[in-house]
C-alpha atoms as a PDB file:
ATOM      1  CA  MET A   1       0.000   0.000   0.000  1.00  0.00           C
ATOM      2  CA  VAL A   2       2.781   2.445   0.859  1.00  0.00           C
ATOM      3  CA  ARG A   3       4.524   1.717  -2.450  1.00  0.00           C
ATOM      4  CA  VAL A   4       1.370   2.535  -4.387  1.00  0.00           C
ATOM      5  CA  SER A   5       0.919   5.825  -2.505  1.00  0.00           C
ATOM      6  CA  GLN A   6       4.537   6.797  -3.118  1.00  0.00           C
ATOM      7  CA  SER A   7       4.163   5.880  -6.775  1.00  0.00           C
ATOM      8  CA  ILE A   8       1.020   8.006  -7.127  1.00  0.00           C
ATOM      9  CA  TRP A   9       2.688  10.888  -5.311  1.00  0.00           C
ATOM     10  CA  GLN A  10       5.764  10.607  -7.563  1.00  0.00           C
ATOM     11  CA  THR A  11       3.556  10.627 -10.677  1.00  0.00           C
ATOM     12  CA  GLN A  12       1.644  13.690  -9.434  1.00  0.00           C
ATOM     13  CA  LYS A  13       4.909  15.448  -8.625  1.00  0.00           C
ATOM     14  CA  GLN A  14       6.206  14.736 -12.139  1.00  0.00           C
ATOM     15  CA  GLN A  15       2.973  16.089 -13.644  1.00  0.00           C
ATOM     16  CA  VAL A  16       3.281  19.308 -11.621  1.00  0.00           C
ATOM     17  CA  ILE A  17       6.914  19.746 -12.673  1.00  0.00           C
ATOM     18  CA  ALA A  18       5.991  19.129 -16.318  1.00  0.00           C
ATOM     19  CA  MET A  19       3.164  21.658 -16.058  1.00  0.00           C
ATOM     20  CA  GLU A  20       5.467  24.261 -14.517  1.00  0.00           C
ATOM     21  CA  ASP A  21       8.021  23.641 -17.263  1.00  0.00           C
ATOM     22  CA  ALA A  22       5.268  24.113 -19.865  1.00  0.00           C
ATOM     23  CA  MET A  23       4.419  27.566 -18.477  1.00  0.00           C
ATOM     24  CA  ARG A  24       6.516  30.247 -20.126  1.00  0.00           C
ATOM     25  CA  THR A  25       6.812  33.470 -18.175  1.00  0.00           C
ATOM     26  CA  HIS A  26       7.953  36.727 -19.750  1.00  0.00           C
ATOM     27  CA  GLN A  27       8.510  39.907 -17.736  1.00  0.00           C
ATOM     28  CA  ARG A  28       9.343  43.453 -18.704  1.00  0.00           C
ATOM     29  CA  THR A  29       9.244  46.882 -17.118  1.00  0.00           C
ATOM     30  CA  PHE A  30       8.129  49.809 -19.262  1.00  0.00           C
ATOM     31  CA  PRO A  31       8.793  53.510 -18.610  1.00  0.00           C
ATOM     32  CA  GLY A  32       5.946  55.684 -17.384  1.00  0.00           C
ATOM     33  CA  ASP A  33       5.433  57.312 -20.753  1.00  0.00           C
ATOM     34  CA  PRO A  34       2.308  56.856 -22.914  1.00  0.00           C
ATOM     35  CA  ARG A  35       4.583  55.986 -25.863  1.00  0.00           C
ATOM     36  CA  ALA A  36       5.601  52.849 -23.928  1.00  0.00           C
ATOM     37  CA  LEU A  37       2.083  51.462 -24.429  1.00  0.00           C
ATOM     38  CA  ARG A  38       2.886  50.735 -28.076  1.00  0.00           C
ATOM     39  CA  SER A  39       6.082  48.965 -26.982  1.00  0.00           C
ATOM     40  CA  ALA A  40       4.104  46.869 -24.478  1.00  0.00           C
ATOM     41  CA  ARG A  41       1.537  45.941 -27.122  1.00  0.00           C
ATOM     42  CA  ASN A  42       4.265  44.993 -29.643  1.00  0.00           C
ATOM     43  CA  TRP A  43       6.112  43.003 -26.961  1.00  0.00           C
ATOM     44  CA  ILE A  44       2.950  40.999 -26.177  1.00  0.00           C
ATOM     45  CA  HIS A  45       2.370  40.274 -29.877  1.00  0.00           C
ATOM     46  CA  ALA A  46       5.989  39.145 -30.325  1.00  0.00           C
ATOM     47  CA  ALA A  47       5.911  36.938 -27.209  1.00  0.00           C
ATOM     48  CA  LEU A  48       2.625  35.301 -28.221  1.00  0.00           C
ATOM     49  CA  ASN A  49       3.668  35.003 -31.883  1.00  0.00           C
ATOM     50  CA  GLY A  50       0.427  33.940 -33.566  1.00  0.00           C
ATOM     51  CA  HIS A  51      -1.406  32.735 -30.436  1.00  0.00           C
ATOM     52  CA  PRO A  52      -5.191  32.806 -31.082  1.00  0.00           C
ATOM     53  CA  ARG A  53      -5.757  35.287 -28.233  1.00  0.00           C
ATOM     54  CA  SER A  54      -2.771  37.573 -28.950  1.00  0.00           C
ATOM     55  CA  ASP A  55      -4.977  40.480 -30.071  1.00  0.00           C
ATOM     56  CA  ASP A  56      -7.031  40.207 -26.867  1.00  0.00           C
ATOM     57  CA  ALA A  57      -3.824  40.117 -24.796  1.00  0.00           C
ATOM     58  CA  ALA A  58      -2.435  43.165 -26.631  1.00  0.00           C
ATOM     59  CA  LEU A  59      -5.629  45.154 -26.007  1.00  0.00           C
ATOM     60  CA  ILE A  60      -5.605  44.108 -22.349  1.00  0.00           C
ATOM     61  CA  VAL A  61      -1.992  45.189 -21.763  1.00  0.00           C
ATOM     62  CA  THR A  62      -2.771  48.515 -23.464  1.00  0.00           C
ATOM     63  CA  GLU A  63      -5.803  49.174 -21.258  1.00  0.00           C
ATOM     64  CA  LEU A  64      -4.140  48.079 -18.005  1.00  0.00           C
ATOM     65  CA  GLY A  65      -0.980  50.012 -18.858  1.00  0.00           C
ATOM     66  CA  THR A  66      -3.054  53.108 -19.649  1.00  0.00           C
ATOM     67  CA  ASN A  67      -4.773  52.828 -16.261  1.00  0.00           C
ATOM     68  CA  ALA A  68      -1.402  52.491 -14.514  1.00  0.00           C
ATOM     69  CA  LEU A  69      -0.102  55.620 -16.267  1.00  0.00           C
ATOM     70  CA  THR A  70      -3.297  57.629 -15.781  1.00  0.00           C
ATOM     71  CA  TYR A  71      -4.201  56.843 -12.175  1.00  0.00           C
ATOM     72  CA  THR A  72      -0.947  55.974 -10.361  1.00  0.00           C
ATOM     73  CA  ALA A  73       2.629  57.133  -9.832  1.00  0.00           C
ATOM     74  CA  SER A  74       3.567  54.984 -12.843  1.00  0.00           C
ATOM     75  CA  GLY A  75       2.682  57.950 -15.056  1.00  0.00           C
ATOM     76  CA  ARG A  76       4.460  60.599 -12.987  1.00  0.00           C
ATOM     77  CA  GLY A  77       8.135  61.534 -12.947  1.00  0.00           C
ATOM     78  CA  ALA A  78      10.351  58.477 -13.217  1.00  0.00           C
ATOM     79  CA  GLY A  79       7.409  56.085 -12.889  1.00  0.00           C
ATOM     80  CA  ALA A  80       7.082  52.753 -14.651  1.00  0.00           C
ATOM     81  CA  PHE A  81       4.758  49.786 -14.967  1.00  0.00           C
ATOM     82  CA  HIS A  82       5.703  46.128 -14.956  1.00  0.00           C
ATOM     83  CA  VAL A  83       4.108  43.462 -17.164  1.00  0.00           C
ATOM     84  CA  THR A  84       4.207  39.722 -16.556  1.00  0.00           C
ATOM     85  CA  LEU A  85       2.958  37.430 -19.305  1.00  0.00           C
ATOM     86  CA  THR A  86       2.523  33.758 -18.459  1.00  0.00           C
ATOM     87  CA  VAL A  87       1.566  31.293 -21.183  1.00  0.00           C
ATOM     88  CA  SER A  88       0.569  27.667 -20.766  1.00  0.00           C
ATOM     89  CA  GLU A  89      -1.490  25.245 -22.841  1.00  0.00           C
ATOM     90  CA  LEU A  90      -4.583  26.196 -20.846  1.00  0.00           C
ATOM     91  CA  THR A  91      -4.243  29.920 -20.135  1.00  0.00           C
ATOM     92  CA  THR A  92      -2.540  33.148 -21.029  1.00  0.00           C
ATOM     93  CA  THR A  93      -2.214  35.512 -18.088  1.00  0.00           C
ATOM     94  CA  ILE A  94      -1.385  39.207 -18.358  1.00  0.00           C
ATOM     95  CA  ALA A  95      -0.514  41.001 -15.113  1.00  0.00           C
ATOM     96  CA  VAL A  96       0.249  44.729 -14.937  1.00  0.00           C
ATOM     97  CA  THR A  97       1.746  46.138 -11.754  1.00  0.00           C
ATOM     98  CA  ASP A  98       1.706  49.883 -11.148  1.00  0.00           C
ATOM     99  CA  SER A  99       3.971  52.085  -9.033  1.00  0.00           C
ATOM    100  CA  GLY A 100       1.329  52.803  -6.403  1.00  0.00           C
ATOM    101  CA  HIS A 101      -0.137  55.994  -4.972  1.00  0.00           C
ATOM    102  CA  ALA A 102      -3.337  55.532  -6.960  1.00  0.00           C
ATOM    103  CA  SER A 103      -5.943  58.251  -7.095  1.00  0.00           C
ATOM    104  CA  SER A 104      -8.617  55.525  -6.984  1.00  0.00           C
ATOM    105  CA  THR A 105      -9.112  51.764  -6.681  1.00  0.00           C
ATOM    106  CA  PRO A 106      -9.547  49.928 -10.001  1.00  0.00           C
ATOM    107  CA  GLU A 107     -13.198  49.081 -10.615  1.00  0.00           C
ATOM    108  CA  ILE A 108     -15.476  48.550 -13.572  1.00  0.00           C
ATOM    109  CA  GLN A 109     -17.397  51.721 -14.298  1.00  0.00           C
ATOM    110  CA  HIS A 110     -20.555  52.342 -16.281  1.00  0.00           C
ATOM    111  CA  PRO A 111     -19.993  55.797 -17.777  1.00  0.00           C
ATOM    112  CA  PRO A 112     -22.593  57.742 -19.751  1.00  0.00           C
ATOM    113  CA  LEU A 113     -22.467  57.235 -23.529  1.00  0.00           C
ATOM    114  CA  ASN A 114     -20.834  60.631 -24.108  1.00  0.00           C
ATOM    115  CA  ALA A 115     -18.036  60.082 -21.540  1.00  0.00           C
ATOM    116  CA  THR A 116     -14.479  59.913 -22.895  1.00  0.00           C
ATOM    117  CA  HIS A 117     -13.085  57.760 -20.052  1.00  0.00           C
ATOM    118  CA  GLY A 118     -14.139  54.875 -17.849  1.00  0.00           C
ATOM    119  CA  ARG A 119     -14.480  51.920 -20.217  1.00  0.00           C
ATOM    120  CA  GLY A 120     -11.008  50.331 -20.054  1.00  0.00           C
ATOM    121  CA  LEU A 121     -11.413  47.886 -17.185  1.00  0.00           C
ATOM    122  CA  GLY A 122     -14.875  46.989 -18.474  1.00  0.00           C
ATOM    123  CA  MET A 123     -13.342  46.055 -21.832  1.00  0.00           C
ATOM    124  CA  VAL A 124     -10.685  43.985 -20.062  1.00  0.00           C
ATOM    125  CA  ALA A 125     -13.398  42.172 -18.080  1.00  0.00           C
ATOM    126  CA  ALA A 126     -15.387  41.547 -21.287  1.00  0.00           C
ATOM    127  CA  LEU A 127     -12.369  39.999 -23.033  1.00  0.00           C
ATOM    128  CA  ALA A 128     -10.905  38.059 -20.100  1.00  0.00           C
ATOM    129  CA  ASP A 129     -12.226  34.955 -18.427  1.00  0.00           C
ATOM    130  CA  ASN A 130     -11.090  36.215 -15.026  1.00  0.00           C
ATOM    131  CA  VAL A 131      -9.816  39.567 -13.725  1.00  0.00           C
ATOM    132  CA  THR A 132      -8.332  40.122 -10.271  1.00  0.00           C
ATOM    133  CA  VAL A 133      -6.911  43.129  -8.463  1.00  0.00           C
ATOM    134  CA  GLN A 134      -4.364  42.694  -5.694  1.00  0.00           C
ATOM    135  CA  GLY A 135      -2.305  45.143  -3.674  1.00  0.00           C
ATOM    136  CA  ASP A 136      -2.739  48.447  -1.924  1.00  0.00           C
ATOM    137  CA  ASP A 137      -1.646  52.074  -2.151  1.00  0.00           C
ATOM    138  CA  SER A 138       2.005  51.020  -2.490  1.00  0.00           C
ATOM    139  CA  GLY A 139       1.173  49.251  -5.777  1.00  0.00           C
ATOM    140  CA  ARG A 140      -1.523  47.130  -7.349  1.00  0.00           C
ATOM    141  CA  THR A 141      -1.423  44.283  -9.807  1.00  0.00           C
ATOM    142  CA  VAL A 142      -4.351  43.779 -12.139  1.00  0.00           C
ATOM    143  CA  THR A 143      -4.312  40.300 -13.666  1.00  0.00           C
ATOM    144  CA  ALA A 144      -6.387  39.147 -16.626  1.00  0.00           C
ATOM    145  CA  GLU A 145      -6.647  35.475 -17.519  1.00  0.00           C
ATOM    146  CA  LEU A 146      -7.488  34.266 -21.010  1.00  0.00           C
ATOM    147  CA  ARG A 147      -8.421  30.608 -21.342  1.00  0.00           C
ATOM    148  CA  ALA A 148      -7.398  28.637 -24.394  1.00  0.00           C
ATOM    149  CA  ASP A 149     -10.611  26.582 -24.463  1.00  0.00           C
ATOM    150  CA  GLY A 150     -12.205  28.888 -26.991  1.00  0.00           C
ATOM    151  CA  HIS A 151     -14.246  30.865 -24.481  1.00  0.00           C
ATOM    152  CA  GLN A 152     -13.979  34.509 -25.441  1.00  0.00           C
ATOM    153  CA  GLY A 153     -14.536  36.903 -22.574  1.00  0.00           C
ATOM    154  CA  GLY A 154     -15.918  36.665 -19.125  1.00  0.00           C
ATOM    155  CA  HIS A 155     -18.186  39.524 -18.175  1.00  0.00           C
ATOM    156  CA  LEU A 156     -20.434  41.922 -19.975  1.00  0.00           C
ATOM    157  CA  CYS A 157     -19.810  45.613 -19.460  1.00  0.00           C
END
């Protein structure tokens, strides 16, 4: 009985290691300049290189990067924002971390039709299968998860 349990545990451990090896993680820090948004978008496209959800990921990094530059210290002085892209067979995850000192907490808004701002996080939520916000005033990370199972988007705006 003990041998079977050890064998099962060893097999599970090997599966976890194989899964971790299959997850590619890319990280890059971009300067707190609106022109860096194009660089972030191009970087995502290059890293995903033909992935079926690369356009969604590029739009998501643009929106989350814009929020970091607009509402936090990332867009002031020597600010920056950090992007982590993790790709596996099952999911593509885009995480944008800001420099903190936000003027507000990220939340989905429902602006009037004539408003020029307030739709970004709603678009991210519509494209992604899951969106989370972690952190505090010293810096927040907004993470969007795209599943590879063909499901396109998680929430309606």
